[in-house]
Amino acid sequence: MSKHVDLAIKTVTKMGLNLKVVGSDKGLEFLKELAGPTVEFLSRVDDKQLYDLYEGATALIYPAEDEDFGMVPIEAMGHGIPVIAHKSGGPLETVIEGENGVFFDQFTVENLSNAIRKIQKTRFDKNKIYQYSLQFSKERFKKEITDFVRSKIK
């Protein structure tokens, strides 16, 4: 599995858009060389900083390939933020095209740029995205596991 952070950096740099890269320590120097002045690297952030980042975000770019589930897109949706994801892995189960995000098919600057432009043109309902994310909440998981166990020991 590859995260393709370099693709996101190249794409937003070419488009002149702002990007905040969180938690990318691997190959940081290489990534910084690719980045233009609109890209900011934030190594480790605490929960408050992460909350503030989501609150100020327009979208989450999630270019990971064949990610098993991917909590990061769900976390973004929990803040009403739409997701731009590669059409593989976990996002196929969680991202609904045009409702809570968009997909891109190929790992090219052009393909990711098209997805970003699509996000920019689409009106997303932040509350609807947030409501969708609740089905993945810890509380729901705990309730359903508890209900399941109780139903088996009766």
C-alpha atoms as a PDB file:
ATOM      1  CA  MET A   1       0.000   0.000   0.000  1.00  0.00           C
ATOM      2  CA  SER A   2       1.249   3.450  -0.832  1.00  0.00           C
ATOM      3  CA  LYS A   3       0.042   6.738   0.606  1.00  0.00           C
ATOM      4  CA  HIS A   4       0.952   8.862  -2.489  1.00  0.00           C
ATOM      5  CA  VAL A   5       1.503  12.014  -0.424  1.00  0.00           C
ATOM      6  CA  ASP A   6       3.902  13.152  -3.138  1.00  0.00           C
ATOM      7  CA  LEU A   7       1.051  13.168  -5.669  1.00  0.00           C
ATOM      8  CA  ALA A   8      -1.088  15.402  -3.450  1.00  0.00           C
ATOM      9  CA  ILE A   9       1.842  17.795  -2.961  1.00  0.00           C
ATOM     10  CA  LYS A  10       2.689  17.981  -6.673  1.00  0.00           C
ATOM     11  CA  THR A  11      -0.960  18.502  -7.587  1.00  0.00           C
ATOM     12  CA  VAL A  12      -1.792  21.302  -5.152  1.00  0.00           C
ATOM     13  CA  THR A  13       1.530  22.986  -5.853  1.00  0.00           C
ATOM     14  CA  LYS A  14       0.734  23.000  -9.577  1.00  0.00           C
ATOM     15  CA  MET A  15      -2.792  24.300  -8.867  1.00  0.00           C
ATOM     16  CA  GLY A  16      -1.559  26.938  -6.391  1.00  0.00           C
ATOM     17  CA  LEU A  17      -3.824  25.630  -3.628  1.00  0.00           C
ATOM     18  CA  ASN A  18      -3.128  25.424   0.091  1.00  0.00           C
ATOM     19  CA  LEU A  19      -2.305  22.053   1.608  1.00  0.00           C
ATOM     20  CA  LYS A  20      -1.446  21.060   5.146  1.00  0.00           C
ATOM     21  CA  VAL A  21       0.361  17.725   5.342  1.00  0.00           C
ATOM     22  CA  VAL A  22      -0.113  16.112   8.751  1.00  0.00           C
ATOM     23  CA  GLY A  23       2.094  13.393  10.183  1.00  0.00           C
ATOM     24  CA  SER A  24       4.359  12.662   7.245  1.00  0.00           C
ATOM     25  CA  ASP A  25       7.794  11.923   8.675  1.00  0.00           C
ATOM     26  CA  LYS A  26       8.878   9.365   6.071  1.00  0.00           C
ATOM     27  CA  GLY A  27      10.751  10.995   3.235  1.00  0.00           C
ATOM     28  CA  LEU A  28      10.051  14.455   4.604  1.00  0.00           C
ATOM     29  CA  GLU A  29      13.015  16.097   2.893  1.00  0.00           C
ATOM     30  CA  PHE A  30      11.994  14.636  -0.480  1.00  0.00           C
ATOM     31  CA  LEU A  31       8.404  15.832   0.023  1.00  0.00           C
ATOM     32  CA  LYS A  32       9.590  19.322   0.983  1.00  0.00           C
ATOM     33  CA  GLU A  33      11.587  19.507  -2.249  1.00  0.00           C
ATOM     34  CA  LEU A  34       8.374  18.840  -4.229  1.00  0.00           C
ATOM     35  CA  ALA A  35       6.352  21.410  -2.325  1.00  0.00           C
ATOM     36  CA  GLY A  36       5.620  24.933  -3.378  1.00  0.00           C
ATOM     37  CA  PRO A  37       4.991  27.851  -1.015  1.00  0.00           C
ATOM     38  CA  THR A  38       1.344  26.863  -0.445  1.00  0.00           C
ATOM     39  CA  VAL A  39       2.230  23.546   1.220  1.00  0.00           C
ATOM     40  CA  GLU A  40       2.766  23.408   4.971  1.00  0.00           C
ATOM     41  CA  PHE A  41       4.148  20.389   6.836  1.00  0.00           C
ATOM     42  CA  LEU A  42       2.820  19.666  10.310  1.00  0.00           C
ATOM     43  CA  SER A  43       4.586  16.700  11.797  1.00  0.00           C
ATOM     44  CA  ARG A  44       2.644  15.746  14.891  1.00  0.00           C
ATOM     45  CA  VAL A  45      -0.482  17.541  16.029  1.00  0.00           C
ATOM     46  CA  ASP A  46      -2.533  17.151  19.174  1.00  0.00           C
ATOM     47  CA  ASP A  47      -6.309  16.629  19.181  1.00  0.00           C
ATOM     48  CA  LYS A  48      -7.063  20.355  19.479  1.00  0.00           C
ATOM     49  CA  GLN A  49      -4.788  21.227  16.556  1.00  0.00           C
ATOM     50  CA  LEU A  50      -6.323  18.442  14.472  1.00  0.00           C
ATOM     51  CA  TYR A  51      -9.820  19.683  15.305  1.00  0.00           C
ATOM     52  CA  ASP A  52      -8.836  23.200  14.203  1.00  0.00           C
ATOM     53  CA  LEU A  53      -7.339  21.861  10.978  1.00  0.00           C
ATOM     54  CA  TYR A  54     -10.539  20.014  10.115  1.00  0.00           C
ATOM     55  CA  GLU A  55     -12.652  23.050  10.993  1.00  0.00           C
ATOM     56  CA  GLY A  56     -10.666  25.169   8.547  1.00  0.00           C
ATOM     57  CA  ALA A  57     -10.509  22.558   5.775  1.00  0.00           C
ATOM     58  CA  THR A  58     -12.334  22.614   2.465  1.00  0.00           C
ATOM     59  CA  ALA A  59     -11.658  18.936   1.758  1.00  0.00           C
ATOM     60  CA  LEU A  60      -9.443  16.041   2.738  1.00  0.00           C
ATOM     61  CA  ILE A  61      -7.165  14.610   0.059  1.00  0.00           C
ATOM     62  CA  TYR A  62      -6.743  10.899   0.758  1.00  0.00           C
ATOM     63  CA  PRO A  63      -4.604   9.461  -2.038  1.00  0.00           C
ATOM     64  CA  ALA A  64      -3.807   6.170  -0.278  1.00  0.00           C
ATOM     65  CA  GLU A  65      -3.867   3.087  -2.482  1.00  0.00           C
ATOM     66  CA  ASP A  66      -5.723  -0.021  -1.284  1.00  0.00           C
ATOM     67  CA  GLU A  67      -5.997   1.207   2.317  1.00  0.00           C
ATOM     68  CA  ASP A  68      -7.859  -1.424   4.373  1.00  0.00           C
ATOM     69  CA  PHE A  69     -10.465   0.843   5.967  1.00  0.00           C
ATOM     70  CA  GLY A  70      -9.018   4.254   6.575  1.00  0.00           C
ATOM     71  CA  MET A  71     -10.198   6.092   9.662  1.00  0.00           C
ATOM     72  CA  VAL A  72      -8.857   9.417   8.407  1.00  0.00           C
ATOM     73  CA  PRO A  73     -11.651   9.909   5.823  1.00  0.00           C
ATOM     74  CA  ILE A  74     -14.269   9.014   8.460  1.00  0.00           C
ATOM     75  CA  GLU A  75     -12.647  11.442  10.894  1.00  0.00           C
ATOM     76  CA  ALA A  76     -12.835  14.206   8.264  1.00  0.00           C
ATOM     77  CA  MET A  77     -16.471  13.368   7.551  1.00  0.00           C
ATOM     78  CA  GLY A  78     -17.079  13.628  11.298  1.00  0.00           C
ATOM     79  CA  HIS A  79     -16.284  17.314  10.825  1.00  0.00           C
ATOM     80  CA  GLY A  80     -18.497  17.630   7.755  1.00  0.00           C
ATOM     81  CA  ILE A  81     -15.495  17.657   5.411  1.00  0.00           C
ATOM     82  CA  PRO A  82     -15.792  15.956   2.001  1.00  0.00           C
ATOM     83  CA  VAL A  83     -13.081  13.510   0.940  1.00  0.00           C
ATOM     84  CA  ILE A  84     -11.088  13.206  -2.279  1.00  0.00           C
ATOM     85  CA  ALA A  85      -9.996   9.571  -2.377  1.00  0.00           C
ATOM     86  CA  HIS A  86      -8.416   7.106  -4.737  1.00  0.00           C
ATOM     87  CA  LYS A  87     -10.998   4.621  -5.971  1.00  0.00           C
ATOM     88  CA  SER A  88      -9.611   1.626  -4.066  1.00  0.00           C
ATOM     89  CA  GLY A  89      -9.696  -0.025  -0.674  1.00  0.00           C
ATOM     90  CA  GLY A  90     -11.673   1.313   2.276  1.00  0.00           C
ATOM     91  CA  PRO A  91     -12.960   4.504   0.645  1.00  0.00           C
ATOM     92  CA  LEU A  92     -15.013   2.345  -1.733  1.00  0.00           C
ATOM     93  CA  GLU A  93     -17.030   1.395   1.369  1.00  0.00           C
ATOM     94  CA  THR A  94     -17.255   4.845   2.936  1.00  0.00           C
ATOM     95  CA  VAL A  95     -17.120   7.569   0.278  1.00  0.00           C
ATOM     96  CA  ILE A  96     -20.293   8.215  -1.718  1.00  0.00           C
ATOM     97  CA  GLU A  97     -19.510  10.075  -4.923  1.00  0.00           C
ATOM     98  CA  GLY A  98     -21.046  13.553  -4.882  1.00  0.00           C
ATOM     99  CA  GLU A  99     -22.512  13.183  -1.367  1.00  0.00           C
ATOM    100  CA  ASN A 100     -19.511  13.063   0.949  1.00  0.00           C
ATOM    101  CA  GLY A 101     -16.645  13.149  -1.511  1.00  0.00           C
ATOM    102  CA  VAL A 102     -15.276  12.311  -4.930  1.00  0.00           C
ATOM    103  CA  PHE A 103     -12.974   9.663  -6.347  1.00  0.00           C
ATOM    104  CA  PHE A 104     -10.025   9.748  -8.689  1.00  0.00           C
ATOM    105  CA  ASP A 105      -8.954   6.673 -10.664  1.00  0.00           C
ATOM    106  CA  GLN A 106      -5.348   7.196 -11.663  1.00  0.00           C
ATOM    107  CA  PHE A 107      -2.329   8.386  -9.729  1.00  0.00           C
ATOM    108  CA  THR A 108      -1.628  11.362 -11.981  1.00  0.00           C
ATOM    109  CA  VAL A 109      -1.562  15.086 -11.309  1.00  0.00           C
ATOM    110  CA  GLU A 110      -4.183  15.554 -14.015  1.00  0.00           C
ATOM    111  CA  ASN A 111      -6.581  12.982 -12.543  1.00  0.00           C
ATOM    112  CA  LEU A 112      -6.247  14.309  -8.991  1.00  0.00           C
ATOM    113  CA  SER A 113      -6.585  17.899 -10.284  1.00  0.00           C
ATOM    114  CA  ASN A 114      -9.870  16.941 -11.944  1.00  0.00           C
ATOM    115  CA  ALA A 115     -11.140  15.497  -8.653  1.00  0.00           C
ATOM    116  CA  ILE A 116     -10.139  18.667  -6.785  1.00  0.00           C
ATOM    117  CA  ARG A 117     -11.961  20.818  -9.356  1.00  0.00           C
ATOM    118  CA  LYS A 118     -15.014  18.575  -8.977  1.00  0.00           C
ATOM    119  CA  ILE A 119     -14.943  19.078  -5.186  1.00  0.00           C
ATOM    120  CA  GLN A 120     -14.683  22.834  -5.715  1.00  0.00           C
ATOM    121  CA  LYS A 121     -17.768  22.849  -7.967  1.00  0.00           C
ATOM    122  CA  THR A 122     -19.932  20.567  -5.816  1.00  0.00           C
ATOM    123  CA  ARG A 123     -22.081  21.890  -2.992  1.00  0.00           C
ATOM    124  CA  PHE A 124     -21.753  19.543  -0.058  1.00  0.00           C
ATOM    125  CA  ASP A 125     -24.072  19.497   2.942  1.00  0.00           C
ATOM    126  CA  LYS A 126     -21.699  19.516   5.937  1.00  0.00           C
ATOM    127  CA  ASN A 127     -24.413  18.298   8.291  1.00  0.00           C
ATOM    128  CA  LYS A 128     -25.342  15.416   5.987  1.00  0.00           C
ATOM    129  CA  ILE A 129     -21.673  14.386   5.784  1.00  0.00           C
ATOM    130  CA  TYR A 130     -21.427  14.537   9.574  1.00  0.00           C
ATOM    131  CA  GLN A 131     -24.614  12.490  10.021  1.00  0.00           C
ATOM    132  CA  TYR A 132     -23.259   9.848   7.622  1.00  0.00           C
ATOM    133  CA  SER A 133     -20.062   9.558   9.676  1.00  0.00           C
ATOM    134  CA  LEU A 134     -22.012   8.642  12.814  1.00  0.00           C
ATOM    135  CA  GLN A 135     -22.599   5.112  11.554  1.00  0.00           C
ATOM    136  CA  PHE A 136     -18.871   4.543  12.153  1.00  0.00           C
ATOM    137  CA  SER A 137     -18.856   5.978  15.682  1.00  0.00           C
ATOM    138  CA  LYS A 138     -17.319   4.217  18.657  1.00  0.00           C
ATOM    139  CA  GLU A 139     -20.644   4.467  20.480  1.00  0.00           C
ATOM    140  CA  ARG A 140     -22.535   2.655  17.715  1.00  0.00           C
ATOM    141  CA  PHE A 141     -19.842  -0.009  17.520  1.00  0.00           C
ATOM    142  CA  LYS A 142     -19.972  -0.621  21.287  1.00  0.00           C
ATOM    143  CA  LYS A 143     -23.787  -0.786  21.281  1.00  0.00           C
ATOM    144  CA  GLU A 144     -23.929  -3.222  18.369  1.00  0.00           C
ATOM    145  CA  ILE A 145     -21.231  -5.485  19.842  1.00  0.00           C
ATOM    146  CA  THR A 146     -22.997  -5.470  23.212  1.00  0.00           C
ATOM    147  CA  ASP A 147     -26.375  -6.204  21.572  1.00  0.00           C
ATOM    148  CA  PHE A 148     -24.834  -9.014  19.537  1.00  0.00           C
ATOM    149  CA  VAL A 149     -23.177 -10.649  22.557  1.00  0.00           C
ATOM    150  CA  ARG A 150     -26.381 -10.353  24.588  1.00  0.00           C
ATOM    151  CA  SER A 151     -28.380 -11.973  21.792  1.00  0.00           C
ATOM    152  CA  LYS A 152     -25.999 -14.955  21.760  1.00  0.00           C
ATOM    153  CA  ILE A 153     -26.038 -15.649  25.497  1.00  0.00           C
ATOM    154  CA  LYS A 154     -29.797 -15.672  25.967  1.00  0.00           C
END
